[in-house]
C-alpha atoms as a PDB file:
ATOM      1  CA  MET A   1     -46.212  79.395  -2.200  1.00  0.00           C
ATOM      2  CA  THR A   2     -42.627  78.822  -1.226  1.00  0.00           C
ATOM      3  CA  LEU A   3     -40.719  76.129   0.416  1.00  0.00           C
ATOM      4  CA  GLU A   4     -38.329  77.615   2.460  1.00  0.00           C
ATOM      5  CA  THR A   5     -35.836  75.471   0.317  1.00  0.00           C
ATOM      6  CA  GLU A   6     -35.202  74.667  -3.446  1.00  0.00           C
ATOM      7  CA  ASN A   7     -35.528  71.132  -3.538  1.00  0.00           C
ATOM      8  CA  ILE A   8     -38.765  69.431  -2.076  1.00  0.00           C
ATOM      9  CA  GLU A   9     -37.143  65.997  -1.970  1.00  0.00           C
ATOM     10  CA  GLU A  10     -33.997  67.604   0.502  1.00  0.00           C
ATOM     11  CA  THR A  11     -36.739  68.921   2.484  1.00  0.00           C
ATOM     12  CA  ILE A  12     -38.910  65.431   2.812  1.00  0.00           C
ATOM     13  CA  SER A  13     -35.800  63.589   3.707  1.00  0.00           C
ATOM     14  CA  SER A  14     -33.632  66.032   5.581  1.00  0.00           C
ATOM     15  CA  SER A  15     -36.856  67.914   7.717  1.00  0.00           C
ATOM     16  CA  SER A  16     -37.215  66.979  11.177  1.00  0.00           C
ATOM     17  CA  ASN A  17     -40.194  64.862  12.773  1.00  0.00           C
ATOM     18  CA  CYS A  18     -42.466  64.213  15.518  1.00  0.00           C
ATOM     19  CA  LEU A  19     -40.295  61.334  17.048  1.00  0.00           C
ATOM     20  CA  LEU A  20     -37.365  63.831  19.218  1.00  0.00           C
ATOM     21  CA  GLY A  21     -36.171  65.009  16.185  1.00  0.00           C
ATOM     22  CA  LEU A  22     -34.891  61.348  14.733  1.00  0.00           C
ATOM     23  CA  ASP A  23     -34.375  60.702  11.002  1.00  0.00           C
ATOM     24  CA  ARG A  24     -35.769  58.054   9.069  1.00  0.00           C
ATOM     25  CA  GLN A  25     -32.476  55.530   9.546  1.00  0.00           C
ATOM     26  CA  GLN A  26     -32.928  56.010  13.636  1.00  0.00           C
ATOM     27  CA  VAL A  27     -36.227  55.622  13.587  1.00  0.00           C
ATOM     28  CA  ALA A  28     -35.870  51.978  11.792  1.00  0.00           C
ATOM     29  CA  THR A  29     -33.406  51.071  14.097  1.00  0.00           C
ATOM     30  CA  VAL A  30     -35.777  51.817  17.168  1.00  0.00           C
ATOM     31  CA  LEU A  31     -38.508  49.812  15.709  1.00  0.00           C
ATOM     32  CA  ALA A  32     -36.046  46.879  14.804  1.00  0.00           C
ATOM     33  CA  ALA A  33     -34.459  47.034  18.564  1.00  0.00           C
ATOM     34  CA  LEU A  34     -38.217  46.971  20.104  1.00  0.00           C
ATOM     35  CA  ARG A  35     -38.867  44.084  17.648  1.00  0.00           C
ATOM     36  CA  HIS A  36     -36.133  42.531  18.942  1.00  0.00           C
ATOM     37  CA  TRP A  37     -36.694  42.801  22.266  1.00  0.00           C
ATOM     38  CA  GLN A  38     -40.057  41.387  21.677  1.00  0.00           C
ATOM     39  CA  SER A  39     -38.260  38.090  20.866  1.00  0.00           C
ATOM     40  CA  VAL A  40     -36.381  37.934  23.969  1.00  0.00           C
ATOM     41  CA  GLU A  41     -38.469  35.699  26.403  1.00  0.00           C
ATOM     42  CA  GLN A  42     -39.942  38.180  29.371  1.00  0.00           C
ATOM     43  CA  SER A  43     -38.214  36.256  32.499  1.00  0.00           C
ATOM     44  CA  GLN A  44     -34.491  37.035  30.607  1.00  0.00           C
ATOM     45  CA  ARG A  45     -36.059  40.900  30.383  1.00  0.00           C
ATOM     46  CA  SER A  46     -35.043  41.686  33.807  1.00  0.00           C
ATOM     47  CA  ALA A  47     -31.318  40.238  32.660  1.00  0.00           C
ATOM     48  CA  TYR A  48     -30.329  43.553  31.353  1.00  0.00           C
ATOM     49  CA  PRO A  49     -30.240  45.648  33.972  1.00  0.00           C
ATOM     50  CA  GLN A  50     -28.242  47.766  32.145  1.00  0.00           C
ATOM     51  CA  PHE A  51     -30.761  48.958  30.069  1.00  0.00           C
ATOM     52  CA  SER A  52     -33.059  49.868  32.776  1.00  0.00           C
ATOM     53  CA  THR A  53     -32.958  52.761  35.471  1.00  0.00           C
ATOM     54  CA  ASP A  54     -34.376  52.695  38.679  1.00  0.00           C
ATOM     55  CA  SER A  55     -35.775  49.483  38.657  1.00  0.00           C
ATOM     56  CA  ILE A  56     -38.301  49.751  36.255  1.00  0.00           C
ATOM     57  CA  GLU A  57     -40.342  46.978  34.843  1.00  0.00           C
ATOM     58  CA  PRO A  58     -39.251  46.365  31.025  1.00  0.00           C
ATOM     59  CA  LEU A  59     -42.485  46.163  29.076  1.00  0.00           C
ATOM     60  CA  ASP A  60     -44.142  43.031  27.696  1.00  0.00           C
ATOM     61  CA  ASN A  61     -45.025  42.075  24.143  1.00  0.00           C
ATOM     62  CA  GLU A  62     -48.344  44.005  24.014  1.00  0.00           C
ATOM     63  CA  ALA A  63     -46.971  46.638  24.992  1.00  0.00           C
ATOM     64  CA  ILE A  64     -44.448  47.313  23.170  1.00  0.00           C
ATOM     65  CA  GLU A  65     -46.462  45.826  19.995  1.00  0.00           C
ATOM     66  CA  GLN A  66     -48.651  49.411  21.264  1.00  0.00           C
ATOM     67  CA  LEU A  67     -45.578  51.525  21.588  1.00  0.00           C
ATOM     68  CA  CYS A  68     -44.522  50.224  17.675  1.00  0.00           C
ATOM     69  CA  GLU A  69     -47.660  51.109  16.593  1.00  0.00           C
ATOM     70  CA  GLN A  70     -47.239  55.015  18.393  1.00  0.00           C
ATOM     71  CA  ILE A  71     -44.181  55.133  16.904  1.00  0.00           C
ATOM     72  CA  ASN A  72     -44.999  54.512  13.444  1.00  0.00           C
ATOM     73  CA  PHE A  73     -48.155  57.045  13.941  1.00  0.00           C
ATOM     74  CA  THR A  74     -46.179  59.650  15.472  1.00  0.00           C
ATOM     75  CA  TRP A  75     -43.161  59.671  12.986  1.00  0.00           C
ATOM     76  CA  GLN A  76     -43.849  62.173  10.430  1.00  0.00           C
ATOM     77  CA  GLN A  77     -42.148  64.451   7.996  1.00  0.00           C
ATOM     78  CA  ILE A  78     -42.411  67.848   8.477  1.00  0.00           C
ATOM     79  CA  VAL A  79     -42.548  70.380   5.356  1.00  0.00           C
ATOM     80  CA  PRO A  80     -42.532  73.707   6.576  1.00  0.00           C
ATOM     81  CA  PHE A  81     -43.871  76.563   3.570  1.00  0.00           C
ATOM     82  CA  VAL A  82     -45.015  80.142   2.969  1.00  0.00           C
ATOM     83  CA  LEU A  83     -48.000  81.629   1.061  1.00  0.00           C
ATOM     84  CA  ASP A  84     -47.708  85.035  -0.060  1.00  0.00           C
ATOM     85  CA  ASP A  85     -50.727  86.805  -0.642  1.00  0.00           C
ATOM     86  CA  PRO A  86     -51.500  88.046  -4.383  1.00  0.00           C
ATOM     87  CA  GLY A  87     -52.971  91.349  -3.242  1.00  0.00           C
ATOM     88  CA  ASP A  88     -50.649  92.206  -0.571  1.00  0.00           C
ATOM     89  CA  ARG A  89     -47.089  91.410  -1.448  1.00  0.00           C
ATOM     90  CA  GLU A  90     -46.333  92.440   2.393  1.00  0.00           C
ATOM     91  CA  ASP A  91     -48.737  89.710   3.819  1.00  0.00           C
ATOM     92  CA  GLN A  92     -48.162  86.325   4.373  1.00  0.00           C
ATOM     93  CA  VAL A  93     -48.761  83.115   5.748  1.00  0.00           C
ATOM     94  CA  LYS A  94     -46.546  80.075   7.249  1.00  0.00           C
ATOM     95  CA  GLY A  95     -46.922  77.076   7.864  1.00  0.00           C
ATOM     96  CA  LYS A  96     -45.973  73.137   7.784  1.00  0.00           C
ATOM     97  CA  VAL A  97     -47.452  69.987   6.312  1.00  0.00           C
ATOM     98  CA  ALA A  98     -46.991  66.858   8.036  1.00  0.00           C
ATOM     99  CA  LEU A  99     -46.358  63.850   5.739  1.00  0.00           C
ATOM    100  CA  SER A 100     -47.533  60.506   7.542  1.00  0.00           C
ATOM    101  CA  SER A 101     -48.170  57.126   7.004  1.00  0.00           C
ATOM    102  CA  SER A 102     -51.571  57.542   8.607  1.00  0.00           C
ATOM    103  CA  GLY A 103     -52.648  61.210   6.995  1.00  0.00           C
ATOM    104  CA  ILE A 104     -51.161  64.334   5.751  1.00  0.00           C
ATOM    105  CA  GLU A 105     -51.800  67.651   8.132  1.00  0.00           C
ATOM    106  CA  ILE A 106     -51.367  70.891   7.021  1.00  0.00           C
ATOM    107  CA  PHE A 107     -50.640  73.177   9.591  1.00  0.00           C
ATOM    108  CA  ALA A 108     -51.117  77.559   9.823  1.00  0.00           C
ATOM    109  CA  GLU A 109     -49.788  79.825  11.927  1.00  0.00           C
ATOM    110  CA  GLY A 110     -52.801  81.175  13.701  1.00  0.00           C
ATOM    111  CA  TYR A 111     -55.057  78.611  12.859  1.00  0.00           C
ATOM    112  CA  GLY A 112     -55.904  75.720  14.751  1.00  0.00           C
ATOM    113  CA  THR A 113     -58.953  73.277  15.715  1.00  0.00           C
ATOM    114  CA  HIS A 114     -61.114  72.960  18.838  1.00  0.00           C
ATOM    115  CA  GLY A 115     -59.808  71.250  21.736  1.00  0.00           C
ATOM    116  CA  MET A 116     -55.913  71.732  20.762  1.00  0.00           C
ATOM    117  CA  GLU A 117     -52.948  74.098  21.946  1.00  0.00           C
ATOM    118  CA  PRO A 118     -52.314  76.595  19.733  1.00  0.00           C
ATOM    119  CA  ARG A 119     -49.797  75.614  17.054  1.00  0.00           C
ATOM    120  CA  TYR A 120     -51.063  72.013  17.125  1.00  0.00           C
ATOM    121  CA  GLY A 121     -54.354  72.027  15.572  1.00  0.00           C
ATOM    122  CA  SER A 122     -54.380  71.067  12.034  1.00  0.00           C
ATOM    123  CA  PRO A 123     -57.138  73.095  10.254  1.00  0.00           C
ATOM    124  CA  VAL A 124     -56.837  70.271   7.091  1.00  0.00           C
ATOM    125  CA  TYR A 125     -56.298  66.809   7.126  1.00  0.00           C
ATOM    126  CA  ILE A 126     -55.894  64.322   3.768  1.00  0.00           C
ATOM    127  CA  GLU A 127     -56.781  60.548   4.501  1.00  0.00           C
ATOM    128  CA  TYR A 128     -57.032  57.324   2.857  1.00  0.00           C
ATOM    129  CA  TYR A 129     -59.988  55.762   4.821  1.00  0.00           C
ATOM    130  CA  GLU A 130     -62.127  52.893   3.319  1.00  0.00           C
ATOM    131  CA  LYS A 131     -60.499  52.840   0.080  1.00  0.00           C
ATOM    132  CA  GLU A 132     -61.669  56.750  -0.127  1.00  0.00           C
ATOM    133  CA  LEU A 133     -59.214  59.542  -0.392  1.00  0.00           C
ATOM    134  CA  ARG A 134     -60.955  62.231   1.608  1.00  0.00           C
ATOM    135  CA  VAL A 135     -60.367  65.386   2.398  1.00  0.00           C
ATOM    136  CA  LEU A 136     -61.249  66.917   6.039  1.00  0.00           C
ATOM    137  CA  VAL A 137     -61.256  70.263   6.980  1.00  0.00           C
ATOM    138  CA  TRP A 138     -62.312  71.967  10.424  1.00  0.00           C
ATOM    139  CA  ALA A 139     -63.197  75.829   8.905  1.00  0.00           C
ATOM    140  CA  ASP A 140     -64.739  76.381  12.685  1.00  0.00           C
ATOM    141  CA  ILE A 141     -62.472  76.585  16.062  1.00  0.00           C
ATOM    142  CA  ASN A 142     -65.183  76.295  17.943  1.00  0.00           C
ATOM    143  CA  GLN A 143     -66.805  72.691  16.411  1.00  0.00           C
ATOM    144  CA  GLU A 144     -64.761  69.581  17.572  1.00  0.00           C
ATOM    145  CA  ASP A 145     -65.736  67.279  14.401  1.00  0.00           C
ATOM    146  CA  PRO A 146     -64.440  68.548  10.635  1.00  0.00           C
ATOM    147  CA  THR A 147     -67.069  70.892   8.799  1.00  0.00           C
ATOM    148  CA  HIS A 148     -66.101  69.755   5.740  1.00  0.00           C
ATOM    149  CA  THR A 149     -65.208  65.966   4.515  1.00  0.00           C
ATOM    150  CA  ILE A 150     -64.654  65.931   1.303  1.00  0.00           C
ATOM    151  CA  SER A 151     -64.392  62.894  -1.151  1.00  0.00           C
ATOM    152  CA  LEU A 152     -62.265  62.886  -3.967  1.00  0.00           C
ATOM    153  CA  GLN A 153     -63.973  59.737  -5.436  1.00  0.00           C
ATOM    154  CA  GLY A 154     -65.250  62.155  -8.246  1.00  0.00           C
ATOM    155  CA  ALA A 155     -61.368  63.433  -8.852  1.00  0.00           C
ATOM    156  CA  LEU A 156     -60.238  59.196 -10.133  1.00  0.00           C
ATOM    157  CA  GLU A 157     -58.305  59.647 -13.528  1.00  0.00           C
ATOM    158  CA  SER A 158     -60.592  56.503 -14.174  1.00  0.00           C
ATOM    159  CA  ARG A 159     -63.419  58.232 -14.208  1.00  0.00           C
ATOM    160  CA  LEU A 160     -62.731  61.063 -16.516  1.00  0.00           C
ATOM    161  CA  GLU A 161     -64.874  61.004 -19.687  1.00  0.00           C
END
């Protein structure tokens, strides 16, 4: 496997993400502005017409909360990679790893999941769910649910004999 850059730290910190290509600092600023907007009383929010076009009503606190959660969930770092086939040096698969606070998705060109548009389905997902690190695999594109759910509890270093 080769990364499309030499330095993994550089890749993670400089790669684009799914939120309009914003970097970490920009996402943090957007979230801070939304949190500040939540602190403004609803009746005073319409006093800022320069921030709203076409007389759009400002979001209420509940909608802002949902938006912040969506931004936190959506925002992720993308790390591209290339996998070479050791049996055929001319054959390779390109892909990307999407890192977010909710999990790690692995995408590979030509592979996907049921119900997703081409290039948007991640057949491998790693998550920490109910105090358990696990890997979900969609090995059959015609099945909606994962074909394999692998618990990594047996790989805990504390279990080493």
